[in-house]
Amino acid sequence: MGAEVVNNIGTNYTLYYNIINYFKTIMNNHPSLNFVSQGDMFSIDTKEFPAYPLGNVSINRADFLEKEIIYQVQLTLADKVKLKNNESTGTANLLTVPFEGTDDTIDIHANMLGVMNDLIGFTRTGVNAFQFQGNPSAQPFKDNFDNGLAGWVVTFNLVVFNSADTCLVPTLL
């Protein structure tokens, strides 16, 4: 890839905290998300009582190149699955449901994918300090966690300019 990403922003995105804070900020600013966290999704309901829908960011890996760091980032967007209200209407006692199912999983998948598209699109075009390596890949889920959530998980590699000097610490031989 070469050193195509340059240090042209005042924020040092080689720092772990700054990558986490970037994604938490854009998720907090999205009008469709009510709660944002970082780290392990399996314990989110045991630590806090989030308002749904929610977003979560985690960094799973960091690879150090000569002039870049490549972070493997995972974003999870989720909402609590709710049963549909099966009220019938009209004299024919008919219920018109545009999509199959007894809960709102398909609605959650549709909404959270739209939010994910916003986050990925903004990151791709709105930030000059880093770029995607390859294309982000999203997978839908339902009941992957023990908290009745459905949504999407997207995993991607984020390339960040690494301005670390090669001789910060003198070697002692």
Foldseek 3Di string as FASTA:
>chain_A
DPPPQDPPDPDAVVDPVVVQVVLQVVQVPDPQAFEEEEDDPQCPVVVDPTDDFYKYKYWDDWDDDPFKIKTKMKMWTKGAKDFDDQAADDPVRDDDDPDDDGICQVVQAVVQVVVVCVSLVCVDPVDRFKHWDDDKDKDWDAPPHVRRMTYIMIITIIIGTDPDDPPPDPDDD
